[in-house]
C-alpha atoms as a PDB file:
ATOM      1  CA  MET A   1       9.535  -8.643 -11.154  1.00  0.00           C
ATOM      2  CA  LEU A   2       7.563  -5.206 -12.455  1.00  0.00           C
ATOM      3  CA  ILE A   3       3.766  -5.123 -10.800  1.00  0.00           C
ATOM      4  CA  SER A   4       1.896  -2.529 -12.763  1.00  0.00           C
ATOM      5  CA  ASP A   5      -1.890  -1.231 -11.262  1.00  0.00           C
ATOM      6  CA  THR A   6      -4.533   1.323 -10.694  1.00  0.00           C
ATOM      7  CA  ALA A   7      -3.948   3.548  -7.365  1.00  0.00           C
ATOM      8  CA  GLY A   8      -4.831   1.903  -4.431  1.00  0.00           C
ATOM      9  CA  MET A   9      -4.481  -1.305  -5.531  1.00  0.00           C
ATOM     10  CA  GLY A  10      -1.702  -2.518  -3.008  1.00  0.00           C
ATOM     11  CA  LYS A  11       1.410  -2.139  -4.303  1.00  0.00           C
ATOM     12  CA  SER A  12       3.241  -0.465  -1.981  1.00  0.00           C
ATOM     13  CA  THR A  13       1.573  -3.094   0.708  1.00  0.00           C
ATOM     14  CA  VAL A  14       2.676  -6.205  -1.719  1.00  0.00           C
ATOM     15  CA  LEU A  15       5.991  -4.535  -1.436  1.00  0.00           C
ATOM     16  CA  THR A  16       5.891  -4.438   2.351  1.00  0.00           C
ATOM     17  CA  HIS A  17       4.960  -8.060   2.648  1.00  0.00           C
ATOM     18  CA  LEU A  18       7.527  -9.256   0.450  1.00  0.00           C
ATOM     19  CA  SER A  19      10.043  -7.588   1.850  1.00  0.00           C
ATOM     20  CA  LYS A  20       9.214  -8.805   5.092  1.00  0.00           C
ATOM     21  CA  HIS A  21       8.543 -12.330   4.597  1.00  0.00           C
ATOM     22  CA  VAL A  22      11.952 -12.835   2.494  1.00  0.00           C
ATOM     23  CA  LYS A  23      13.873 -11.346   5.581  1.00  0.00           C
ATOM     24  CA  GLN A  24      12.004 -14.017   7.373  1.00  0.00           C
ATOM     25  CA  LYS A  25      12.920 -17.145   5.450  1.00  0.00           C
ATOM     26  CA  PHE A  26      16.838 -15.527   4.563  1.00  0.00           C
ATOM     27  CA  PRO A  27      17.902 -13.884   7.580  1.00  0.00           C
ATOM     28  CA  ALA A  28      21.211 -13.280   5.569  1.00  0.00           C
ATOM     29  CA  LYS A  29      19.901 -11.346   2.542  1.00  0.00           C
ATOM     30  CA  TRP A  30      20.210  -7.588   2.343  1.00  0.00           C
ATOM     31  CA  VAL A  31      16.251  -6.728   1.801  1.00  0.00           C
ATOM     32  CA  VAL A  32      16.255  -2.850   0.633  1.00  0.00           C
ATOM     33  CA  ARG A  33      13.083  -1.191   0.330  1.00  0.00           C
ATOM     34  CA  ILE A  34      13.045   2.451  -1.279  1.00  0.00           C
ATOM     35  CA  GLY A  35      10.513   4.600  -1.590  1.00  0.00           C
ATOM     36  CA  LEU A  36      10.935   6.778  -4.576  1.00  0.00           C
ATOM     37  CA  ASN A  37       9.475   9.970  -4.055  1.00  0.00           C
ATOM     38  CA  ASP A  38      10.953  10.304  -0.895  1.00  0.00           C
ATOM     39  CA  HIS A  39      14.620  10.895  -2.547  1.00  0.00           C
ATOM     40  CA  THR A  40      13.846  13.150  -5.691  1.00  0.00           C
ATOM     41  CA  VAL A  41      16.689  15.303  -4.348  1.00  0.00           C
ATOM     42  CA  ALA A  42      18.963  12.323  -4.760  1.00  0.00           C
ATOM     43  CA  LEU A  43      17.444  12.141  -8.179  1.00  0.00           C
ATOM     44  CA  LYS A  44      17.866  15.211  -9.565  1.00  0.00           C
ATOM     45  CA  GLU A  45      21.741  14.802  -8.619  1.00  0.00           C
ATOM     46  CA  LEU A  46      21.793  11.635 -10.545  1.00  0.00           C
ATOM     47  CA  GLU A  47      20.329  13.148 -13.709  1.00  0.00           C
ATOM     48  CA  GLN A  48      23.690  15.046 -13.921  1.00  0.00           C
ATOM     49  CA  GLU A  49      25.677  11.992 -13.894  1.00  0.00           C
ATOM     50  CA  GLN A  50      27.124   9.410 -16.231  1.00  0.00           C
ATOM     51  CA  ILE A  51      25.268   6.271 -15.169  1.00  0.00           C
ATOM     52  CA  ASP A  52      27.231   2.925 -14.721  1.00  0.00           C
ATOM     53  CA  LYS A  53      27.570   0.086 -12.375  1.00  0.00           C
ATOM     54  CA  GLU A  54      30.065   1.751 -10.283  1.00  0.00           C
ATOM     55  CA  LYS A  55      28.117   5.198  -9.616  1.00  0.00           C
ATOM     56  CA  VAL A  56      24.854   3.330  -9.499  1.00  0.00           C
ATOM     57  CA  VAL A  57      25.539   1.211  -6.187  1.00  0.00           C
ATOM     58  CA  GLU A  58      27.575   4.144  -4.468  1.00  0.00           C
ATOM     59  CA  PHE A  59      24.321   6.122  -5.063  1.00  0.00           C
ATOM     60  CA  LEU A  60      22.272   3.423  -3.687  1.00  0.00           C
ATOM     61  CA  SER A  61      24.558   2.954  -0.485  1.00  0.00           C
ATOM     62  CA  GLU A  62      25.398   6.609  -0.023  1.00  0.00           C
ATOM     63  CA  LYS A  63      22.596   8.802  -2.074  1.00  0.00           C
ATOM     64  CA  LEU A  64      19.269   6.520  -0.616  1.00  0.00           C
ATOM     65  CA  LEU A  65      20.655   4.185   1.530  1.00  0.00           C
ATOM     66  CA  LYS A  66      22.807   6.500   3.651  1.00  0.00           C
ATOM     67  CA  LEU A  67      24.650   3.883   5.120  1.00  0.00           C
ATOM     68  CA  GLU A  68      26.940   4.872   7.802  1.00  0.00           C
ATOM     69  CA  PRO A  69      29.765   3.851   8.519  1.00  0.00           C
ATOM     70  CA  GLU A  70      32.435   2.834   6.242  1.00  0.00           C
ATOM     71  CA  LEU A  71      32.042  -0.649   7.053  1.00  0.00           C
ATOM     72  CA  GLU A  72      28.140  -0.722   5.809  1.00  0.00           C
ATOM     73  CA  LYS A  73      29.018   1.146   3.031  1.00  0.00           C
ATOM     74  CA  LYS A  74      32.274  -1.573   1.723  1.00  0.00           C
ATOM     75  CA  LEU A  75      29.427  -4.496   2.556  1.00  0.00           C
ATOM     76  CA  PHE A  76      26.683  -3.104   0.650  1.00  0.00           C
ATOM     77  CA  GLU A  77      29.291  -2.613  -1.975  1.00  0.00           C
ATOM     78  CA  GLN A  78      30.566  -6.400  -1.749  1.00  0.00           C
ATOM     79  CA  CYS A  79      27.178  -8.115  -1.767  1.00  0.00           C
ATOM     80  CA  CYS A  80      26.660  -5.879  -5.467  1.00  0.00           C
ATOM     81  CA  GLU A  81      30.031  -7.288  -6.636  1.00  0.00           C
ATOM     82  CA  HIS A  82      29.949 -10.766  -6.511  1.00  0.00           C
ATOM     83  CA  LYS A  83      32.565 -10.442  -3.643  1.00  0.00           C
ATOM     84  CA  HIS A  84      30.026 -11.455  -0.950  1.00  0.00           C
ATOM     85  CA  LYS A  85      28.623 -14.771  -0.525  1.00  0.00           C
ATOM     86  CA  GLU A  86      25.317 -12.498   0.818  1.00  0.00           C
ATOM     87  CA  LYS A  87      22.863 -11.421  -2.015  1.00  0.00           C
ATOM     88  CA  VAL A  88      20.584  -8.248  -2.282  1.00  0.00           C
ATOM     89  CA  THR A  89      16.721  -8.042  -2.919  1.00  0.00           C
ATOM     90  CA  LEU A  90      16.510  -4.389  -3.936  1.00  0.00           C
ATOM     91  CA  MET A  91      13.074  -3.205  -4.048  1.00  0.00           C
ATOM     92  CA  LEU A  92      11.555   0.368  -5.938  1.00  0.00           C
ATOM     93  CA  ASP A  93       8.297   1.902  -5.094  1.00  0.00           C
ATOM     94  CA  GLY A  94       6.606   4.429  -6.746  1.00  0.00           C
ATOM     95  CA  PHE A  95       7.953   5.076 -10.253  1.00  0.00           C
ATOM     96  CA  ASP A  96       4.481   6.754 -11.272  1.00  0.00           C
ATOM     97  CA  GLU A  97       5.386   9.578  -8.476  1.00  0.00           C
ATOM     98  CA  VAL A  98       8.658  10.718  -9.372  1.00  0.00           C
ATOM     99  CA  SER A  99       7.452  10.512 -13.151  1.00  0.00           C
ATOM    100  CA  PRO A 100       7.871  11.904 -15.776  1.00  0.00           C
ATOM    101  CA  ILE A 101      10.896  14.208 -14.007  1.00  0.00           C
ATOM    102  CA  TYR A 102      12.839  11.169 -13.307  1.00  0.00           C
ATOM    103  CA  LYS A 103      11.082   8.808 -15.246  1.00  0.00           C
ATOM    104  CA  GLN A 104      14.350   8.438 -17.933  1.00  0.00           C
ATOM    105  CA  THR A 105      16.750   8.690 -14.819  1.00  0.00           C
ATOM    106  CA  VAL A 106      15.060   6.087 -13.082  1.00  0.00           C
ATOM    107  CA  ILE A 107      14.851   4.030 -16.018  1.00  0.00           C
ATOM    108  CA  ASP A 108      18.869   4.128 -16.671  1.00  0.00           C
ATOM    109  CA  LEU A 109      19.218   3.078 -13.029  1.00  0.00           C
ATOM    110  CA  LEU A 110      16.870  -0.024 -13.407  1.00  0.00           C
ATOM    111  CA  GLN A 111      18.354  -0.824 -16.720  1.00  0.00           C
ATOM    112  CA  THR A 112      22.177  -0.549 -15.177  1.00  0.00           C
ATOM    113  CA  LEU A 113      20.470  -2.139 -11.681  1.00  0.00           C
ATOM    114  CA  LYS A 114      19.960  -5.823 -13.913  1.00  0.00           C
ATOM    115  CA  GLN A 115      23.529  -6.094 -14.864  1.00  0.00           C
ATOM    116  CA  THR A 116      24.730  -5.819 -11.260  1.00  0.00           C
ATOM    117  CA  VAL A 117      24.504  -8.960  -9.456  1.00  0.00           C
ATOM    118  CA  VAL A 118      21.716  -7.914  -7.283  1.00  0.00           C
ATOM    119  CA  GLU A 119      19.740 -11.047  -6.846  1.00  0.00           C
ATOM    120  CA  GLU A 120      15.963  -9.290  -6.981  1.00  0.00           C
ATOM    121  CA  LEU A 121      14.760  -6.609  -8.047  1.00  0.00           C
ATOM    122  CA  TRP A 122      11.017  -5.358  -7.865  1.00  0.00           C
ATOM    123  CA  PHE A 123       9.467  -2.250  -9.139  1.00  0.00           C
ATOM    124  CA  THR A 124       6.157  -0.999  -8.880  1.00  0.00           C
ATOM    125  CA  ALA A 125       4.482   1.775 -11.627  1.00  0.00           C
ATOM    126  CA  ARG A 126       0.598   2.490 -12.852  1.00  0.00           C
ATOM    127  CA  PRO A 127      -0.690   1.127 -15.717  1.00  0.00           C
ATOM    128  CA  HIS A 128       0.137   3.912 -18.302  1.00  0.00           C
ATOM    129  CA  LEU A 129       3.743   3.409 -17.523  1.00  0.00           C
ATOM    130  CA  ARG A 130       3.123  -0.215 -18.599  1.00  0.00           C
ATOM    131  CA  GLU A 131       3.784  -0.590 -21.968  1.00  0.00           C
ATOM    132  CA  GLU A 132       7.220   1.565 -22.175  1.00  0.00           C
ATOM    133  CA  LEU A 133       8.604  -0.341 -19.028  1.00  0.00           C
ATOM    134  CA  GLU A 134       8.038  -3.942 -20.020  1.00  0.00           C
ATOM    135  CA  ASP A 135       9.524  -2.745 -23.500  1.00  0.00           C
ATOM    136  CA  LYS A 136      13.132  -1.236 -22.067  1.00  0.00           C
ATOM    137  CA  LEU A 137      13.486  -3.561 -19.094  1.00  0.00           C
ATOM    138  CA  GLN A 138      12.339  -6.758 -21.290  1.00  0.00           C
ATOM    139  CA  GLN A 139      10.521  -7.280 -18.395  1.00  0.00           C
ATOM    140  CA  LEU A 140       6.288  -8.762 -18.385  1.00  0.00           C
ATOM    141  CA  SER A 141       4.653  -6.964 -15.498  1.00  0.00           C
ATOM    142  CA  TYR A 142       2.778  -8.652 -12.790  1.00  0.00           C
ATOM    143  CA  THR A 143      -0.989  -6.991 -11.755  1.00  0.00           C
ATOM    144  CA  LEU A 144      -3.299  -7.601  -8.933  1.00  0.00           C
ATOM    145  CA  GLU A 145      -6.785  -8.463  -8.205  1.00  0.00           C
ATOM    146  CA  THR A 146      -9.368  -6.635  -6.970  1.00  0.00           C
ATOM    147  CA  PHE A 147     -11.397  -7.947  -4.012  1.00  0.00           C
ATOM    148  CA  SER A 148     -14.285 -10.404  -5.138  1.00  0.00           C
ATOM    149  CA  GLU A 149     -17.771  -9.661  -2.731  1.00  0.00           C
ATOM    150  CA  GLU A 150     -16.462 -12.560  -0.607  1.00  0.00           C
ATOM    151  CA  ALA A 151     -13.134 -10.873   0.212  1.00  0.00           C
ATOM    152  CA  GLN A 152     -14.708  -7.219   0.759  1.00  0.00           C
ATOM    153  CA  VAL A 153     -16.904  -8.354   3.176  1.00  0.00           C
ATOM    154  CA  GLU A 154     -13.874 -10.321   4.548  1.00  0.00           C
ATOM    155  CA  PHE A 155     -12.214  -7.156   4.436  1.00  0.00           C
ATOM    156  CA  LEU A 156     -15.046  -5.144   5.886  1.00  0.00           C
ATOM    157  CA  THR A 157     -15.524  -7.527   9.202  1.00  0.00           C
ATOM    158  CA  LYS A 158     -11.757  -7.591  10.103  1.00  0.00           C
ATOM    159  CA  PHE A 159     -11.495  -3.592   9.783  1.00  0.00           C
ATOM    160  CA  TRP A 160     -14.587  -2.850  12.216  1.00  0.00           C
ATOM    161  CA  SER A 161     -13.367  -5.664  14.737  1.00  0.00           C
ATOM    162  CA  LEU A 162      -9.962  -4.004  15.311  1.00  0.00           C
ATOM    163  CA  GLN A 163     -11.995  -1.010  15.933  1.00  0.00           C
ATOM    164  CA  ASP A 164     -11.962   0.181  19.853  1.00  0.00           C
ATOM    165  CA  TRP A 165     -15.677  -0.055  20.133  1.00  0.00           C
ATOM    166  CA  PHE A 166     -15.525  -3.475  19.509  1.00  0.00           C
ATOM    167  CA  THR A 167     -14.661  -5.183  23.206  1.00  0.00           C
ATOM    168  CA  GLU A 168     -15.774  -8.054  23.048  1.00  0.00           C
ATOM    169  CA  THR A 169     -13.678 -11.224  24.536  1.00  0.00           C
ATOM    170  CA  GLU A 170     -11.988 -13.210  21.966  1.00  0.00           C
ATOM    171  CA  ASP A 171     -14.761 -16.573  21.922  1.00  0.00           C
ATOM    172  CA  LYS A 172     -17.618 -13.538  22.211  1.00  0.00           C
ATOM    173  CA  ARG A 173     -15.830 -11.882  19.764  1.00  0.00           C
ATOM    174  CA  LYS A 174     -15.665 -14.087  16.768  1.00  0.00           C
ATOM    175  CA  GLU A 175     -19.439 -14.875  17.644  1.00  0.00           C
ATOM    176  CA  LYS A 176     -20.300 -11.123  17.289  1.00  0.00           C
ATOM    177  CA  GLU A 177     -18.280 -10.997  13.948  1.00  0.00           C
ATOM    178  CA  LYS A 178     -20.046 -13.356  12.555  1.00  0.00           C
ATOM    179  CA  ASN A 179     -23.785 -12.170  13.582  1.00  0.00           C
ATOM    180  CA  THR A 180     -23.509  -8.614  13.585  1.00  0.00           C
ATOM    181  CA  LEU A 181     -20.364  -7.471  11.387  1.00  0.00           C
ATOM    182  CA  THR A 182     -20.414  -9.702   9.127  1.00  0.00           C
ATOM    183  CA  VAL A 183     -24.107  -9.612   8.641  1.00  0.00           C
ATOM    184  CA  TYR A 184     -24.029  -5.328   8.035  1.00  0.00           C
ATOM    185  CA  ALA A 185     -20.625  -5.940   5.469  1.00  0.00           C
ATOM    186  CA  THR A 186     -22.976  -8.210   3.557  1.00  0.00           C
ATOM    187  CA  HIS A 187     -25.882  -6.094   3.504  1.00  0.00           C
ATOM    188  CA  LEU A 188     -23.865  -3.289   2.382  1.00  0.00           C
ATOM    189  CA  ILE A 189     -21.938  -5.153   0.023  1.00  0.00           C
ATOM    190  CA  LYS A 190     -25.004  -6.348  -1.765  1.00  0.00           C
ATOM    191  CA  LYS A 191     -27.153  -2.562  -1.538  1.00  0.00           C
ATOM    192  CA  LEU A 192     -24.043  -1.113  -3.169  1.00  0.00           C
ATOM    193  CA  GLY A 193     -23.635  -3.796  -5.815  1.00  0.00           C
ATOM    194  CA  ASN A 194     -27.204  -3.737  -6.661  1.00  0.00           C
ATOM    195  CA  ALA A 195     -26.842   0.530  -6.758  1.00  0.00           C
ATOM    196  CA  VAL A 196     -24.037   0.823  -9.033  1.00  0.00           C
ATOM    197  CA  SER A 197     -22.840  -0.291 -12.510  1.00  0.00           C
ATOM    198  CA  ASP A 198     -20.450  -3.495 -13.445  1.00  0.00           C
ATOM    199  CA  LYS A 199     -17.580  -0.969 -14.037  1.00  0.00           C
ATOM    200  CA  ASP A 200     -18.394   1.222 -10.388  1.00  0.00           C
ATOM    201  CA  ARG A 201     -18.566  -2.642  -8.722  1.00  0.00           C
ATOM    202  CA  GLN A 202     -14.984  -2.966  -9.944  1.00  0.00           C
ATOM    203  CA  PHE A 203     -14.003   0.165  -8.664  1.00  0.00           C
ATOM    204  CA  ILE A 204     -15.371  -0.817  -5.387  1.00  0.00           C
ATOM    205  CA  GLY A 205     -12.822  -3.917  -4.853  1.00  0.00           C
ATOM    206  CA  ILE A 206      -9.570  -1.724  -5.528  1.00  0.00           C
ATOM    207  CA  PRO A 207      -8.337  -2.595  -1.878  1.00  0.00           C
ATOM    208  CA  LEU A 208      -8.047   1.486  -0.893  1.00  0.00           C
ATOM    209  CA  GLN A 209     -12.288   2.037  -1.759  1.00  0.00           C
ATOM    210  CA  CYS A 210     -13.094  -0.453   0.291  1.00  0.00           C
ATOM    211  CA  ARG A 211     -11.410   1.078   3.119  1.00  0.00           C
ATOM    212  CA  MET A 212     -12.915   3.488   2.603  1.00  0.00           C
ATOM    213  CA  LEU A 213     -16.256   2.132   2.662  1.00  0.00           C
ATOM    214  CA  ALA A 214     -15.167   0.709   6.335  1.00  0.00           C
ATOM    215  CA  GLU A 215     -14.455   3.855   7.129  1.00  0.00           C
ATOM    216  CA  ALA A 216     -17.429   5.878   5.715  1.00  0.00           C
ATOM    217  CA  PHE A 217     -19.890   3.561   7.829  1.00  0.00           C
ATOM    218  CA  ASP A 218     -17.848   3.238  11.095  1.00  0.00           C
ATOM    219  CA  GLU A 219     -20.466   4.996  13.259  1.00  0.00           C
ATOM    220  CA  ASP A 220     -23.457   3.007  11.651  1.00  0.00           C
ATOM    221  CA  VAL A 221     -21.430  -0.182  12.098  1.00  0.00           C
ATOM    222  CA  LYS A 222     -20.852   0.675  15.848  1.00  0.00           C
ATOM    223  CA  ILE A 223     -25.117   1.478  16.047  1.00  0.00           C
ATOM    224  CA  PHE A 224     -25.818  -1.420  14.816  1.00  0.00           C
ATOM    225  CA  TYR A 225     -23.637  -3.918  16.760  1.00  0.00           C
ATOM    226  CA  GLU A 226     -24.998  -2.202  20.482  1.00  0.00           C
ATOM    227  CA  SER A 227     -27.998  -2.325  18.741  1.00  0.00           C
ATOM    228  CA  THR A 228     -30.084  -5.436  19.350  1.00  0.00           C
ATOM    229  CA  GLU A 229     -31.771  -5.299  15.707  1.00  0.00           C
ATOM    230  CA  SER A 230     -31.031  -8.450  13.209  1.00  0.00           C
ATOM    231  CA  SER A 231     -31.302  -6.619  10.257  1.00  0.00           C
ATOM    232  CA  PRO A 232     -29.073  -3.247   9.483  1.00  0.00           C
ATOM    233  CA  LYS A 233     -30.793  -0.025   8.086  1.00  0.00           C
ATOM    234  CA  LEU A 234     -28.609   1.010   5.328  1.00  0.00           C
ATOM    235  CA  PRO A 235     -29.730   4.375   3.484  1.00  0.00           C
ATOM    236  CA  PHE A 236     -32.400   4.476   0.784  1.00  0.00           C
ATOM    237  CA  LYS A 237     -29.604   6.148  -1.445  1.00  0.00           C
ATOM    238  CA  LEU A 238     -26.151   4.466  -2.086  1.00  0.00           C
ATOM    239  CA  ASP A 239     -23.676   4.805  -4.882  1.00  0.00           C
ATOM    240  CA  LEU A 240     -20.697   6.195  -5.176  1.00  0.00           C
ATOM    241  CA  ILE A 241     -21.502   9.951  -4.821  1.00  0.00           C
ATOM    242  CA  GLU A 242     -23.101   9.103  -1.757  1.00  0.00           C
ATOM    243  CA  LEU A 243     -20.123   6.832  -0.296  1.00  0.00           C
ATOM    244  CA  TYR A 244     -17.516   9.377  -0.960  1.00  0.00           C
ATOM    245  CA  GLY A 245     -19.839  12.066   0.977  1.00  0.00           C
ATOM    246  CA  ARG A 246     -19.870   9.722   3.498  1.00  0.00           C
ATOM    247  CA  PHE A 247     -16.538   9.361   4.020  1.00  0.00           C
ATOM    248  CA  ILE A 248     -15.317  13.418   3.356  1.00  0.00           C
ATOM    249  CA  GLU A 249     -18.026  13.650   6.310  1.00  0.00           C
ATOM    250  CA  ARG A 250     -16.560  10.999   8.482  1.00  0.00           C
ATOM    251  CA  LYS A 251     -12.688  12.532   7.812  1.00  0.00           C
ATOM    252  CA  TYR A 252     -14.487  16.210   9.172  1.00  0.00           C
ATOM    253  CA  ASP A 253     -15.891  14.428  12.000  1.00  0.00           C
ATOM    254  CA  ILE A 254     -12.360  12.597  13.176  1.00  0.00           C
ATOM    255  CA  SER A 255     -10.103  15.916  12.241  1.00  0.00           C
ATOM    256  CA  GLU A 256     -12.833  17.946  14.513  1.00  0.00           C
ATOM    257  CA  GLU A 257     -12.219  14.911  17.407  1.00  0.00           C
ATOM    258  CA  GLU A 258      -8.778  15.085  17.210  1.00  0.00           C
ATOM    259  CA  ILE A 259      -8.573  19.070  17.188  1.00  0.00           C
ATOM    260  CA  PHE A 260     -10.921  18.738  20.473  1.00  0.00           C
ATOM    261  CA  LYS A 261      -8.632  16.066  22.199  1.00  0.00           C
ATOM    262  CA  SER A 262      -5.458  17.993  21.322  1.00  0.00           C
ATOM    263  CA  ARG A 263      -7.048  21.152  22.775  1.00  0.00           C
ATOM    264  CA  SER A 264      -8.412  19.529  26.422  1.00  0.00           C
ATOM    265  CA  ILE A 265      -4.586  18.247  26.452  1.00  0.00           C
ATOM    266  CA  ALA A 266      -3.150  21.505  26.412  1.00  0.00           C
ATOM    267  CA  ARG A 267      -5.695  23.145  28.924  1.00  0.00           C
ATOM    268  CA  LEU A 268      -4.800  20.151  31.284  1.00  0.00           C
ATOM    269  CA  LYS A 269      -1.350  20.944  30.861  1.00  0.00           C
END
């Protein structure tokens, strides 16, 4: 299975969710999720090798998974060679992060893995690599849908409801979410949608950008949440430049707060 989409769409999150789901539903399966960017040294070594099925299984067990003791290695090898009844689900994430340097090495790795008895092979990449991967792996890719406006509001509401300043009891919390956080999120998405083009509106639908929006307005939501106002007062000018400016300022404030806390703790010690 090939998932190909832009940065921030949640490819890695999907693999994390799927790995947990597969393991819960099939506890006996050997579920392996690997971030390729964490193993560039091993990939460099593999460049010098003749890649075949035996070498690939050895590479996975010793270089990427670093299995110990010898029993674990043997069990994994048997799972990949029809000598064990349990199956392997392998997930490789971040192909674009090691491309183009290790692109051919990883493609050779994938093509060889398809010849093993690995039951499921999941793989993620960016759109500019889609056609080449589909052609060489003979596998059509999946893409992910951007957040709709309703999903954006739901995401913002849930994100803010998990902040430290949101301290209502469970019953009141649900009511507050509906009457305060959701109100702010709805107004914010509507105003931003009216201020940007259709292309930029899709950009805000990318989950990572939606998270940026949530973080950029975190303090404003807190003020509205603690006030008695029925409608939020949003900035007169609100576009992507304003959004990124707010995001950078918020990150700077958080960094300053963390530095201050660490210095205070150091003085106490």
